mmCIF file of all heavy atoms, coordinates in Angstrom:
data_MODEL
# 
_entry.id   MODEL 
# 
loop_
_atom_site.group_PDB 
_atom_site.id 
_atom_site.type_symbol 
_atom_site.label_atom_id 
_atom_site.label_alt_id 
_atom_site.label_comp_id 
_atom_site.label_asym_id 
_atom_site.label_entity_id 
_atom_site.label_seq_id 
_atom_site.pdbx_PDB_ins_code 
_atom_site.Cartn_x 
_atom_site.Cartn_y 
_atom_site.Cartn_z 
_atom_site.occupancy 
_atom_site.B_iso_or_equiv 
_atom_site.pdbx_formal_charge 
_atom_site.auth_seq_id 
_atom_site.auth_comp_id 
_atom_site.auth_asym_id 
_atom_site.auth_atom_id 
_atom_site.pdbx_PDB_model_num 
ATOM 1   N N   . ARG A 1 1  ? 189.306 234.496 74.137 1.00 0.00 ? 1  ARG A N   1 
ATOM 2   C CA  . ARG A 1 1  ? 188.960 235.278 75.323 1.00 0.00 ? 1  ARG A CA  1 
ATOM 3   C C   . ARG A 1 1  ? 187.604 234.858 75.893 1.00 0.00 ? 1  ARG A C   1 
ATOM 4   O O   . ARG A 1 1  ? 187.087 235.525 76.760 1.00 0.00 ? 1  ARG A O   1 
ATOM 5   C CB  . ARG A 1 1  ? 188.925 236.779 74.966 1.00 0.00 ? 1  ARG A CB  1 
ATOM 6   C CG  . ARG A 1 1  ? 190.305 237.374 74.852 1.00 0.00 ? 1  ARG A CG  1 
ATOM 7   C CD  . ARG A 1 1  ? 190.253 238.757 74.218 1.00 0.00 ? 1  ARG A CD  1 
ATOM 8   N NE  . ARG A 1 1  ? 189.264 239.638 74.783 1.00 0.00 ? 1  ARG A NE  1 
ATOM 9   C CZ  . ARG A 1 1  ? 188.874 240.812 74.265 1.00 0.00 ? 1  ARG A CZ  1 
ATOM 10  N NH1 . ARG A 1 1  ? 189.422 241.215 73.099 1.00 0.00 ? 1  ARG A NH1 1 
ATOM 11  N NH2 . ARG A 1 1  ? 187.977 241.562 74.847 1.00 0.00 ? 1  ARG A NH2 1 
ATOM 12  N N   . LYS A 1 2  ? 187.047 233.796 75.386 1.00 0.00 ? 2  LYS A N   1 
ATOM 13  C CA  . LYS A 1 2  ? 185.773 233.286 75.893 1.00 0.00 ? 2  LYS A CA  1 
ATOM 14  C C   . LYS A 1 2  ? 186.058 232.431 77.139 1.00 0.00 ? 2  LYS A C   1 
ATOM 15  O O   . LYS A 1 2  ? 186.627 231.355 77.026 1.00 0.00 ? 2  LYS A O   1 
ATOM 16  C CB  . LYS A 1 2  ? 185.063 232.492 74.831 1.00 0.00 ? 2  LYS A CB  1 
ATOM 17  C CG  . LYS A 1 2  ? 183.740 231.863 75.276 1.00 0.00 ? 2  LYS A CG  1 
ATOM 18  C CD  . LYS A 1 2  ? 182.692 232.884 75.679 1.00 0.00 ? 2  LYS A CD  1 
ATOM 19  C CE  . LYS A 1 2  ? 181.344 232.196 75.906 1.00 0.00 ? 2  LYS A CE  1 
ATOM 20  N NZ  . LYS A 1 2  ? 180.375 233.064 76.600 1.00 0.00 ? 2  LYS A NZ  1 
ATOM 21  N N   . MET A 1 3  ? 185.644 232.906 78.314 1.00 0.00 ? 3  MET A N   1 
ATOM 22  C CA  . MET A 1 3  ? 185.948 232.228 79.577 1.00 0.00 ? 3  MET A CA  1 
ATOM 23  C C   . MET A 1 3  ? 184.783 231.414 80.095 1.00 0.00 ? 3  MET A C   1 
ATOM 24  O O   . MET A 1 3  ? 184.944 230.538 80.942 1.00 0.00 ? 3  MET A O   1 
ATOM 25  C CB  . MET A 1 3  ? 186.344 233.266 80.651 1.00 0.00 ? 3  MET A CB  1 
ATOM 26  C CG  . MET A 1 3  ? 187.524 234.127 80.269 1.00 0.00 ? 3  MET A CG  1 
ATOM 27  S SD  . MET A 1 3  ? 187.934 235.285 81.599 1.00 0.00 ? 3  MET A SD  1 
ATOM 28  C CE  . MET A 1 3  ? 188.938 236.452 80.722 1.00 0.00 ? 3  MET A CE  1 
ATOM 29  N N   . VAL A 1 4  ? 183.578 231.731 79.624 1.00 0.00 ? 4  VAL A N   1 
ATOM 30  C CA  . VAL A 1 4  ? 182.350 231.104 80.129 1.00 0.00 ? 4  VAL A CA  1 
ATOM 31  C C   . VAL A 1 4  ? 181.627 230.428 79.007 1.00 0.00 ? 4  VAL A C   1 
ATOM 32  O O   . VAL A 1 4  ? 181.241 231.084 78.026 1.00 0.00 ? 4  VAL A O   1 
ATOM 33  C CB  . VAL A 1 4  ? 181.454 232.146 80.837 1.00 0.00 ? 4  VAL A CB  1 
ATOM 34  C CG1 . VAL A 1 4  ? 180.177 231.501 81.303 1.00 0.00 ? 4  VAL A CG1 1 
ATOM 35  C CG2 . VAL A 1 4  ? 182.193 232.828 81.962 1.00 0.00 ? 4  VAL A CG2 1 
ATOM 36  N N   . GLU A 1 5  ? 181.402 229.123 79.124 1.00 0.00 ? 5  GLU A N   1 
ATOM 37  C CA  . GLU A 1 5  ? 180.650 228.404 78.111 1.00 0.00 ? 5  GLU A CA  1 
ATOM 38  C C   . GLU A 1 5  ? 179.643 227.490 78.816 1.00 0.00 ? 5  GLU A C   1 
ATOM 39  O O   . GLU A 1 5  ? 179.981 226.355 79.211 1.00 0.00 ? 5  GLU A O   1 
ATOM 40  C CB  . GLU A 1 5  ? 181.593 227.575 77.237 1.00 0.00 ? 5  GLU A CB  1 
ATOM 41  C CG  . GLU A 1 5  ? 180.884 226.897 76.070 1.00 0.00 ? 5  GLU A CG  1 
ATOM 42  C CD  . GLU A 1 5  ? 180.176 227.868 75.107 1.00 0.00 ? 5  GLU A CD  1 
ATOM 43  O OE1 . GLU A 1 5  ? 180.517 229.086 75.092 1.00 0.00 ? 5  GLU A OE1 1 
ATOM 44  O OE2 . GLU A 1 5  ? 179.287 227.402 74.376 1.00 0.00 ? 5  GLU A OE2 1 
ATOM 45  N N   . PRO A 1 6  ? 178.404 227.971 79.006 1.00 0.00 ? 6  PRO A N   1 
ATOM 46  C CA  . PRO A 1 6  ? 177.394 227.114 79.622 1.00 0.00 ? 6  PRO A CA  1 
ATOM 47  C C   . PRO A 1 6  ? 177.060 225.900 78.781 1.00 0.00 ? 6  PRO A C   1 
ATOM 48  O O   . PRO A 1 6  ? 177.206 225.934 77.564 1.00 0.00 ? 6  PRO A O   1 
ATOM 49  C CB  . PRO A 1 6  ? 176.193 228.047 79.758 1.00 0.00 ? 6  PRO A CB  1 
ATOM 50  C CG  . PRO A 1 6  ? 176.431 229.154 78.797 1.00 0.00 ? 6  PRO A CG  1 
ATOM 51  C CD  . PRO A 1 6  ? 177.915 229.294 78.660 1.00 0.00 ? 6  PRO A CD  1 
ATOM 52  N N   . PHE A 1 7  ? 176.675 224.835 79.436 1.00 0.00 ? 7  PHE A N   1 
ATOM 53  C CA  . PHE A 1 7  ? 176.356 223.575 78.731 1.00 0.00 ? 7  PHE A CA  1 
ATOM 54  C C   . PHE A 1 7  ? 175.041 223.726 77.957 1.00 0.00 ? 7  PHE A C   1 
ATOM 55  O O   . PHE A 1 7  ? 174.898 223.182 76.880 1.00 0.00 ? 7  PHE A O   1 
ATOM 56  C CB  . PHE A 1 7  ? 176.234 222.447 79.757 1.00 0.00 ? 7  PHE A CB  1 
ATOM 57  C CG  . PHE A 1 7  ? 176.084 221.085 79.149 1.00 0.00 ? 7  PHE A CG  1 
ATOM 58  C CD1 . PHE A 1 7  ? 177.218 220.375 78.739 1.00 0.00 ? 7  PHE A CD1 1 
ATOM 59  C CD2 . PHE A 1 7  ? 174.859 220.517 78.985 1.00 0.00 ? 7  PHE A CD2 1 
ATOM 60  C CE1 . PHE A 1 7  ? 177.089 219.093 78.175 1.00 0.00 ? 7  PHE A CE1 1 
ATOM 61  C CE2 . PHE A 1 7  ? 174.712 219.250 78.424 1.00 0.00 ? 7  PHE A CE2 1 
ATOM 62  C CZ  . PHE A 1 7  ? 175.820 218.559 78.011 1.00 0.00 ? 7  PHE A CZ  1 
ATOM 63  N N   . GLY A 1 8  ? 174.108 224.504 78.512 1.00 0.00 ? 8  GLY A N   1 
ATOM 64  C CA  . GLY A 1 8  ? 172.829 224.762 77.844 1.00 0.00 ? 8  GLY A CA  1 
ATOM 65  C C   . GLY A 1 8  ? 172.237 226.058 78.281 1.00 0.00 ? 8  GLY A C   1 
ATOM 66  O O   . GLY A 1 8  ? 172.414 226.474 79.440 1.00 0.00 ? 8  GLY A O   1 
ATOM 67  N N   . VAL A 1 9  ? 171.533 226.733 77.393 1.00 0.00 ? 9  VAL A N   1 
ATOM 68  C CA  . VAL A 1 9  ? 170.875 228.018 77.728 1.00 0.00 ? 9  VAL A CA  1 
ATOM 69  C C   . VAL A 1 9  ? 169.439 227.978 77.269 1.00 0.00 ? 9  VAL A C   1 
ATOM 70  O O   . VAL A 1 9  ? 169.098 227.356 76.249 1.00 0.00 ? 9  VAL A O   1 
ATOM 71  C CB  . VAL A 1 9  ? 171.627 229.214 77.097 1.00 0.00 ? 9  VAL A CB  1 
ATOM 72  C CG1 . VAL A 1 9  ? 172.953 229.442 77.765 1.00 0.00 ? 9  VAL A CG1 1 
ATOM 73  C CG2 . VAL A 1 9  ? 171.815 229.027 75.600 1.00 0.00 ? 9  VAL A CG2 1 
ATOM 74  N N   . PHE A 1 10 ? 168.581 228.667 78.031 1.00 0.00 ? 10 PHE A N   1 
ATOM 75  C CA  . PHE A 1 10 ? 167.148 228.634 77.767 1.00 0.00 ? 10 PHE A CA  1 
ATOM 76  C C   . PHE A 1 10 ? 166.534 230.020 77.963 1.00 0.00 ? 10 PHE A C   1 
ATOM 77  O O   . PHE A 1 10 ? 167.106 230.898 78.624 1.00 0.00 ? 10 PHE A O   1 
ATOM 78  C CB  . PHE A 1 10 ? 166.448 227.665 78.740 1.00 0.00 ? 10 PHE A CB  1 
ATOM 79  C CG  . PHE A 1 10 ? 167.013 226.271 78.704 1.00 0.00 ? 10 PHE A CG  1 
ATOM 80  C CD1 . PHE A 1 10 ? 168.069 225.904 79.507 1.00 0.00 ? 10 PHE A CD1 1 
ATOM 81  C CD2 . PHE A 1 10 ? 166.503 225.332 77.805 1.00 0.00 ? 10 PHE A CD2 1 
ATOM 82  C CE1 . PHE A 1 10 ? 168.609 224.633 79.460 1.00 0.00 ? 10 PHE A CE1 1 
ATOM 83  C CE2 . PHE A 1 10 ? 167.033 224.045 77.765 1.00 0.00 ? 10 PHE A CE2 1 
ATOM 84  C CZ  . PHE A 1 10 ? 168.074 223.701 78.607 1.00 0.00 ? 10 PHE A CZ  1 
ATOM 85  N N   . SER A 1 11 ? 165.389 230.215 77.332 1.00 0.00 ? 11 SER A N   1 
ATOM 86  C CA  . SER A 1 11 ? 164.570 231.385 77.598 1.00 0.00 ? 11 SER A CA  1 
ATOM 87  C C   . SER A 1 11 ? 163.331 230.875 78.329 1.00 0.00 ? 11 SER A C   1 
ATOM 88  O O   . SER A 1 11 ? 162.440 230.268 77.745 1.00 0.00 ? 11 SER A O   1 
ATOM 89  C CB  . SER A 1 11 ? 164.151 232.069 76.294 1.00 0.00 ? 11 SER A CB  1 
ATOM 90  O OG  . SER A 1 11 ? 165.286 232.635 75.632 1.00 0.00 ? 11 SER A OG  1 
ATOM 91  N N   . ARG A 1 12 ? 163.357 231.060 79.646 1.00 0.00 ? 12 ARG A N   1 
ATOM 92  C CA  . ARG A 1 12 ? 162.343 230.531 80.556 1.00 0.00 ? 12 ARG A CA  1 
ATOM 93  C C   . ARG A 1 12 ? 162.281 229.021 80.433 1.00 0.00 ? 12 ARG A C   1 
ATOM 94  O O   . ARG A 1 12 ? 163.215 228.319 80.857 1.00 0.00 ? 12 ARG A O   1 
ATOM 95  C CB  . ARG A 1 12 ? 160.991 231.198 80.320 1.00 0.00 ? 12 ARG A CB  1 
ATOM 96  C CG  . ARG A 1 12 ? 160.022 231.033 81.496 1.00 0.00 ? 12 ARG A CG  1 
ATOM 97  C CD  . ARG A 1 12 ? 158.692 231.665 81.208 1.00 0.00 ? 12 ARG A CD  1 
ATOM 98  N NE  . ARG A 1 12 ? 158.860 233.113 80.985 1.00 0.00 ? 12 ARG A NE  1 
ATOM 99  C CZ  . ARG A 1 12 ? 158.008 233.866 80.313 1.00 0.00 ? 12 ARG A CZ  1 
ATOM 100 N NH1 . ARG A 1 12 ? 156.924 233.324 79.786 1.00 0.00 ? 12 ARG A NH1 1 
ATOM 101 N NH2 . ARG A 1 12 ? 158.214 235.155 80.175 1.00 0.00 ? 12 ARG A NH2 1 
ATOM 102 N N   . ASP A 1 13 ? 161.236 228.433 79.848 1.00 0.00 ? 13 ASP A N   1 
ATOM 103 C CA  . ASP A 1 13 ? 161.080 226.978 79.797 1.00 0.00 ? 13 ASP A CA  1 
ATOM 104 C C   . ASP A 1 13 ? 161.125 226.468 78.354 1.00 0.00 ? 13 ASP A C   1 
ATOM 105 O O   . ASP A 1 13 ? 160.538 225.467 78.022 1.00 0.00 ? 13 ASP A O   1 
ATOM 106 C CB  . ASP A 1 13 ? 159.810 226.517 80.499 1.00 0.00 ? 13 ASP A CB  1 
ATOM 107 C CG  . ASP A 1 13 ? 158.556 227.190 79.932 1.00 0.00 ? 13 ASP A CG  1 
ATOM 108 O OD1 . ASP A 1 13 ? 158.715 228.165 79.156 1.00 0.00 ? 13 ASP A OD1 1 
ATOM 109 O OD2 . ASP A 1 13 ? 157.471 226.758 80.288 1.00 0.00 ? 13 ASP A OD2 1 
ATOM 110 N N   . ARG A 1 14 ? 161.904 227.193 77.538 1.00 0.00 ? 14 ARG A N   1 
ATOM 111 C CA  . ARG A 1 14 ? 162.056 226.770 76.140 1.00 0.00 ? 14 ARG A CA  1 
ATOM 112 C C   . ARG A 1 14 ? 163.491 227.078 75.723 1.00 0.00 ? 14 ARG A C   1 
ATOM 113 O O   . ARG A 1 14 ? 164.254 227.666 76.462 1.00 0.00 ? 14 ARG A O   1 
ATOM 114 C CB  . ARG A 1 14 ? 161.039 227.507 75.249 1.00 0.00 ? 14 ARG A CB  1 
ATOM 115 C CG  . ARG A 1 14 ? 161.252 229.015 75.196 1.00 0.00 ? 14 ARG A CG  1 
ATOM 116 C CD  . ARG A 1 14 ? 160.076 229.749 74.629 1.00 0.00 ? 14 ARG A CD  1 
ATOM 117 N NE  . ARG A 1 14 ? 158.973 229.801 75.569 1.00 0.00 ? 14 ARG A NE  1 
ATOM 118 C CZ  . ARG A 1 14 ? 157.892 230.582 75.403 1.00 0.00 ? 14 ARG A CZ  1 
ATOM 119 N NH1 . ARG A 1 14 ? 157.780 231.312 74.347 1.00 0.00 ? 14 ARG A NH1 1 
ATOM 120 N NH2 . ARG A 1 14 ? 156.931 230.568 76.330 1.00 0.00 ? 14 ARG A NH2 1 
ATOM 121 N N   . ASP A 1 15 ? 163.861 226.648 74.523 1.00 0.00 ? 15 ASP A N   1 
ATOM 122 C CA  . ASP A 1 15 ? 165.214 226.914 74.054 1.00 0.00 ? 15 ASP A CA  1 
ATOM 123 C C   . ASP A 1 15 ? 165.497 228.396 73.999 1.00 0.00 ? 15 ASP A C   1 
ATOM 124 O O   . ASP A 1 15 ? 164.597 229.207 73.748 1.00 0.00 ? 15 ASP A O   1 
ATOM 125 C CB  . ASP A 1 15 ? 165.419 226.287 72.658 1.00 0.00 ? 15 ASP A CB  1 
ATOM 126 C CG  . ASP A 1 15 ? 165.448 224.776 72.693 1.00 0.00 ? 15 ASP A CG  1 
ATOM 127 O OD1 . ASP A 1 15 ? 165.714 224.224 73.778 1.00 0.00 ? 15 ASP A OD1 1 
ATOM 128 O OD2 . ASP A 1 15 ? 165.234 224.150 71.668 1.00 0.00 ? 15 ASP A OD2 1 
ATOM 129 N N   . ALA A 1 16 ? 166.746 228.751 74.213 1.00 0.00 ? 16 ALA A N   1 
ATOM 130 C CA  . ALA A 1 16 ? 167.127 230.175 74.225 1.00 0.00 ? 16 ALA A CA  1 
ATOM 131 C C   . ALA A 1 16 ? 166.896 230.797 72.860 1.00 0.00 ? 16 ALA A C   1 
ATOM 132 O O   . ALA A 1 16 ? 167.000 230.151 71.805 1.00 0.00 ? 16 ALA A O   1 
ATOM 133 C CB  . ALA A 1 16 ? 168.603 230.300 74.607 1.00 0.00 ? 16 ALA A CB  1 
ATOM 134 N N   . ILE A 1 17 ? 166.602 232.098 72.884 1.00 0.00 ? 17 ILE A N   1 
ATOM 135 C CA  . ILE A 1 17 ? 166.441 232.874 71.662 1.00 0.00 ? 17 ILE A CA  1 
ATOM 136 C C   . ILE A 1 17 ? 167.807 233.524 71.342 1.00 0.00 ? 17 ILE A C   1 
ATOM 137 O O   . ILE A 1 17 ? 168.336 234.260 72.190 1.00 0.00 ? 17 ILE A O   1 
ATOM 138 C CB  . ILE A 1 17 ? 165.374 233.979 71.832 1.00 0.00 ? 17 ILE A CB  1 
ATOM 139 C CG1 . ILE A 1 17 ? 164.049 233.341 72.203 1.00 0.00 ? 17 ILE A CG1 1 
ATOM 140 C CG2 . ILE A 1 17 ? 165.265 234.831 70.570 1.00 0.00 ? 17 ILE A CG2 1 
ATOM 141 C CD1 . ILE A 1 17 ? 162.965 234.329 72.583 1.00 0.00 ? 17 ILE A CD1 1 
ATOM 142 N N   . PRO A 1 18 ? 168.384 233.227 70.223 1.00 0.00 ? 18 PRO A N   1 
ATOM 143 C CA  . PRO A 1 18 ? 169.717 233.746 69.894 1.00 0.00 ? 18 PRO A CA  1 
ATOM 144 C C   . PRO A 1 18 ? 169.806 235.271 70.038 1.00 0.00 ? 18 PRO A C   1 
ATOM 145 O O   . PRO A 1 18 ? 168.891 235.996 69.641 1.00 0.00 ? 18 PRO A O   1 
ATOM 146 C CB  . PRO A 1 18 ? 169.954 233.311 68.466 1.00 0.00 ? 18 PRO A CB  1 
ATOM 147 C CG  . PRO A 1 18 ? 169.084 232.108 68.316 1.00 0.00 ? 18 PRO A CG  1 
ATOM 148 C CD  . PRO A 1 18 ? 167.870 232.370 69.125 1.00 0.00 ? 18 PRO A CD  1 
ATOM 149 N N   . ASN A 1 19 ? 170.894 235.711 70.628 1.00 0.00 ? 19 ASN A N   1 
ATOM 150 C CA  . ASN A 1 19 ? 171.231 237.150 70.735 1.00 0.00 ? 19 ASN A CA  1 
ATOM 151 C C   . ASN A 1 19 ? 170.271 237.941 71.591 1.00 0.00 ? 19 ASN A C   1 
ATOM 152 O O   . ASN A 1 19 ? 170.349 239.170 71.605 1.00 0.00 ? 19 ASN A O   1 
ATOM 153 C CB  . ASN A 1 19 ? 171.326 237.774 69.350 1.00 0.00 ? 19 ASN A CB  1 
ATOM 154 C CG  . ASN A 1 19 ? 172.250 237.024 68.435 1.00 0.00 ? 19 ASN A CG  1 
ATOM 155 O OD1 . ASN A 1 19 ? 173.421 236.756 68.771 1.00 0.00 ? 19 ASN A OD1 1 
ATOM 156 N ND2 . ASN A 1 19 ? 171.759 236.618 67.247 1.00 0.00 ? 19 ASN A ND2 1 
ATOM 157 N N   . ARG A 1 20 ? 169.398 237.303 72.360 1.00 0.00 ? 20 ARG A N   1 
ATOM 158 C CA  . ARG A 1 20 ? 168.438 238.014 73.187 1.00 0.00 ? 20 ARG A CA  1 
ATOM 159 C C   . ARG A 1 20 ? 168.529 237.544 74.627 1.00 0.00 ? 20 ARG A C   1 
ATOM 160 O O   . ARG A 1 20 ? 168.895 236.398 74.904 1.00 0.00 ? 20 ARG A O   1 
ATOM 161 C CB  . ARG A 1 20 ? 167.030 237.839 72.681 1.00 0.00 ? 20 ARG A CB  1 
ATOM 162 C CG  . ARG A 1 20 ? 166.807 238.464 71.294 1.00 0.00 ? 20 ARG A CG  1 
ATOM 163 C CD  . ARG A 1 20 ? 165.308 238.498 70.998 1.00 0.00 ? 20 ARG A CD  1 
ATOM 164 N NE  . ARG A 1 20 ? 164.568 239.387 71.936 1.00 0.00 ? 20 ARG A NE  1 
ATOM 165 C CZ  . ARG A 1 20 ? 163.263 239.413 72.053 1.00 0.00 ? 20 ARG A CZ  1 
ATOM 166 N NH1 . ARG A 1 20 ? 162.516 238.622 71.282 1.00 0.00 ? 20 ARG A NH1 1 
ATOM 167 N NH2 . ARG A 1 20 ? 162.678 240.234 72.901 1.00 0.00 ? 20 ARG A NH2 1 
ATOM 168 N N   . PHE A 1 21 ? 168.199 238.444 75.528 1.00 0.00 ? 21 PHE A N   1 
ATOM 169 C CA  . PHE A 1 21 ? 168.116 238.164 76.962 1.00 0.00 ? 21 PHE A CA  1 
ATOM 170 C C   . PHE A 1 21 ? 169.478 237.714 77.502 1.00 0.00 ? 21 PHE A C   1 
ATOM 171 O O   . PHE A 1 21 ? 169.591 236.741 78.254 1.00 0.00 ? 21 PHE A O   1 
ATOM 172 C CB  . PHE A 1 21 ? 167.040 237.123 77.280 1.00 0.00 ? 21 PHE A CB  1 
ATOM 173 C CG  . PHE A 1 21 ? 165.725 237.430 76.643 1.00 0.00 ? 21 PHE A CG  1 
ATOM 174 C CD1 . PHE A 1 21 ? 165.150 236.536 75.742 1.00 0.00 ? 21 PHE A CD1 1 
ATOM 175 C CD2 . PHE A 1 21 ? 165.045 238.608 76.937 1.00 0.00 ? 21 PHE A CD2 1 
ATOM 176 C CE1 . PHE A 1 21 ? 163.922 236.829 75.145 1.00 0.00 ? 21 PHE A CE1 1 
ATOM 177 C CE2 . PHE A 1 21 ? 163.827 238.909 76.366 1.00 0.00 ? 21 PHE A CE2 1 
ATOM 178 C CZ  . PHE A 1 21 ? 163.256 238.016 75.456 1.00 0.00 ? 21 PHE A CZ  1 
ATOM 179 N N   . ILE A 1 22 ? 170.524 238.421 77.116 1.00 0.00 ? 22 ILE A N   1 
ATOM 180 C CA  . ILE A 1 22 ? 171.868 238.179 77.667 1.00 0.00 ? 22 ILE A CA  1 
ATOM 181 C C   . ILE A 1 22 ? 172.327 239.452 78.375 1.00 0.00 ? 22 ILE A C   1 
ATOM 182 O O   . ILE A 1 22 ? 171.919 240.553 78.029 1.00 0.00 ? 22 ILE A O   1 
ATOM 183 C CB  . ILE A 1 22 ? 172.869 237.821 76.527 1.00 0.00 ? 22 ILE A CB  1 
ATOM 184 C CG1 . ILE A 1 22 ? 172.941 238.925 75.466 1.00 0.00 ? 22 ILE A CG1 1 
ATOM 185 C CG2 . ILE A 1 22 ? 172.508 236.480 75.893 1.00 0.00 ? 22 ILE A CG2 1 
ATOM 186 C CD1 . ILE A 1 22 ? 173.974 238.657 74.375 1.00 0.00 ? 22 ILE A CD1 1 
ATOM 187 N N   . ASP A 1 23 ? 173.149 239.262 79.403 1.00 0.00 ? 23 ASP A N   1 
ATOM 188 C CA  . ASP A 1 23 ? 173.687 240.468 80.088 1.00 0.00 ? 23 ASP A CA  1 
ATOM 189 C C   . ASP A 1 23 ? 174.960 240.116 80.861 1.00 0.00 ? 23 ASP A C   1 
ATOM 190 O O   . ASP A 1 23 ? 175.317 238.934 81.036 1.00 0.00 ? 23 ASP A O   1 
ATOM 191 C CB  . ASP A 1 23 ? 172.655 241.112 81.006 1.00 0.00 ? 23 ASP A CB  1 
ATOM 192 C CG  . ASP A 1 23 ? 172.322 240.315 82.234 1.00 0.00 ? 23 ASP A CG  1 
ATOM 193 O OD1 . ASP A 1 23 ? 172.883 239.211 82.426 1.00 0.00 ? 23 ASP A OD1 1 
ATOM 194 O OD2 . ASP A 1 23 ? 171.491 240.797 83.042 1.00 0.00 ? 23 ASP A OD2 1 
ATOM 195 N N   . ASP A 1 24 ? 175.651 241.179 81.285 1.00 0.00 ? 24 ASP A N   1 
ATOM 196 C CA  . ASP A 1 24 ? 176.929 241.014 81.995 1.00 0.00 ? 24 ASP A CA  1 
ATOM 197 C C   . ASP A 1 24 ? 176.745 240.309 83.335 1.00 0.00 ? 24 ASP A C   1 
ATOM 198 O O   . ASP A 1 24 ? 177.576 239.449 83.721 1.00 0.00 ? 24 ASP A O   1 
ATOM 199 C CB  . ASP A 1 24 ? 177.584 242.379 82.254 1.00 0.00 ? 24 ASP A CB  1 
ATOM 200 C CG  . ASP A 1 24 ? 178.151 242.993 80.981 1.00 0.00 ? 24 ASP A CG  1 
ATOM 201 O OD1 . ASP A 1 24 ? 178.418 242.251 80.012 1.00 0.00 ? 24 ASP A OD1 1 
ATOM 202 O OD2 . ASP A 1 24 ? 178.279 244.233 80.935 1.00 0.00 ? 24 ASP A OD2 1 
ATOM 203 N N   . HIS A 1 25 ? 175.670 240.636 84.049 1.00 0.00 ? 25 HIS A N   1 
ATOM 204 C CA  . HIS A 1 25 ? 175.486 240.082 85.378 1.00 0.00 ? 25 HIS A CA  1 
ATOM 205 C C   . HIS A 1 25 ? 175.421 238.554 85.338 1.00 0.00 ? 25 HIS A C   1 
ATOM 206 O O   . HIS A 1 25 ? 176.159 237.874 86.083 1.00 0.00 ? 25 HIS A O   1 
ATOM 207 C CB  . HIS A 1 25 ? 174.178 240.633 85.988 1.00 0.00 ? 25 HIS A CB  1 
ATOM 208 C CG  . HIS A 1 25 ? 173.925 240.196 87.408 1.00 0.00 ? 25 HIS A CG  1 
ATOM 209 N ND1 . HIS A 1 25 ? 173.229 239.039 87.704 1.00 0.00 ? 25 HIS A ND1 1 
ATOM 210 C CD2 . HIS A 1 25 ? 174.307 240.722 88.594 1.00 0.00 ? 25 HIS A CD2 1 
ATOM 211 C CE1 . HIS A 1 25 ? 173.153 238.887 89.028 1.00 0.00 ? 25 HIS A CE1 1 
ATOM 212 N NE2 . HIS A 1 25 ? 173.804 239.881 89.568 1.00 0.00 ? 25 HIS A NE2 1 
ATOM 213 N N   . SER A 1 26 ? 174.626 237.997 84.481 1.00 0.00 ? 26 SER A N   1 
ATOM 214 C CA  . SER A 1 26 ? 174.521 236.544 84.393 1.00 0.00 ? 26 SER A CA  1 
ATOM 215 C C   . SER A 1 26 ? 175.820 235.919 83.909 1.00 0.00 ? 26 SER A C   1 
ATOM 216 O O   . SER A 1 26 ? 176.196 234.821 84.316 1.00 0.00 ? 26 SER A O   1 
ATOM 217 C CB  . SER A 1 26 ? 173.350 236.137 83.508 1.00 0.00 ? 26 SER A CB  1 
ATOM 218 O OG  . SER A 1 26 ? 173.425 236.750 82.245 1.00 0.00 ? 26 SER A OG  1 
ATOM 219 N N   . GLU A 1 27 ? 176.512 236.597 82.995 1.00 0.00 ? 27 GLU A N   1 
ATOM 220 C CA  . GLU A 1 27 ? 177.805 236.108 82.504 1.00 0.00 ? 27 GLU A CA  1 
ATOM 221 C C   . GLU A 1 27 ? 178.824 236.028 83.656 1.00 0.00 ? 27 GLU A C   1 
ATOM 222 O O   . GLU A 1 27 ? 179.573 235.037 83.772 1.00 0.00 ? 27 GLU A O   1 
ATOM 223 C CB  . GLU A 1 27 ? 178.332 237.039 81.408 1.00 0.00 ? 27 GLU A CB  1 
ATOM 224 C CG  . GLU A 1 27 ? 179.633 236.567 80.752 1.00 0.00 ? 27 GLU A CG  1 
ATOM 225 C CD  . GLU A 1 27 ? 179.379 235.712 79.507 1.00 0.00 ? 27 GLU A CD  1 
ATOM 226 O OE1 . GLU A 1 27 ? 178.188 235.457 79.137 1.00 0.00 ? 27 GLU A OE1 1 
ATOM 227 O OE2 . GLU A 1 27 ? 180.377 235.273 78.897 1.00 0.00 ? 27 GLU A OE2 1 
ATOM 228 N N   . GLN A 1 28 ? 178.811 237.059 84.487 1.00 0.00 ? 28 GLN A N   1 
ATOM 229 C CA  . GLN A 1 28 ? 179.807 237.108 85.588 1.00 0.00 ? 28 GLN A CA  1 
ATOM 230 C C   . GLN A 1 28 ? 179.459 236.133 86.709 1.00 0.00 ? 28 GLN A C   1 
ATOM 231 O O   . GLN A 1 28 ? 180.345 235.557 87.327 1.00 0.00 ? 28 GLN A O   1 
ATOM 232 C CB  . GLN A 1 28 ? 179.900 238.545 86.072 1.00 0.00 ? 28 GLN A CB  1 
ATOM 233 C CG  . GLN A 1 28 ? 180.547 239.449 85.040 1.00 0.00 ? 28 GLN A CG  1 
ATOM 234 C CD  . GLN A 1 28 ? 180.471 240.935 85.374 1.00 0.00 ? 28 GLN A CD  1 
ATOM 235 O OE1 . GLN A 1 28 ? 179.455 241.442 85.801 1.00 0.00 ? 28 GLN A OE1 1 
ATOM 236 N NE2 . GLN A 1 28 ? 181.591 241.619 85.185 1.00 0.00 ? 28 GLN A NE2 1 
# 
């Protein structure tokens, strides 16, 4: 059921922090 798989994710100008700063709006 995973429809969205970004190629890369970040937290501002560094690598993303797992399980943080995620939300429905950006997913949609």
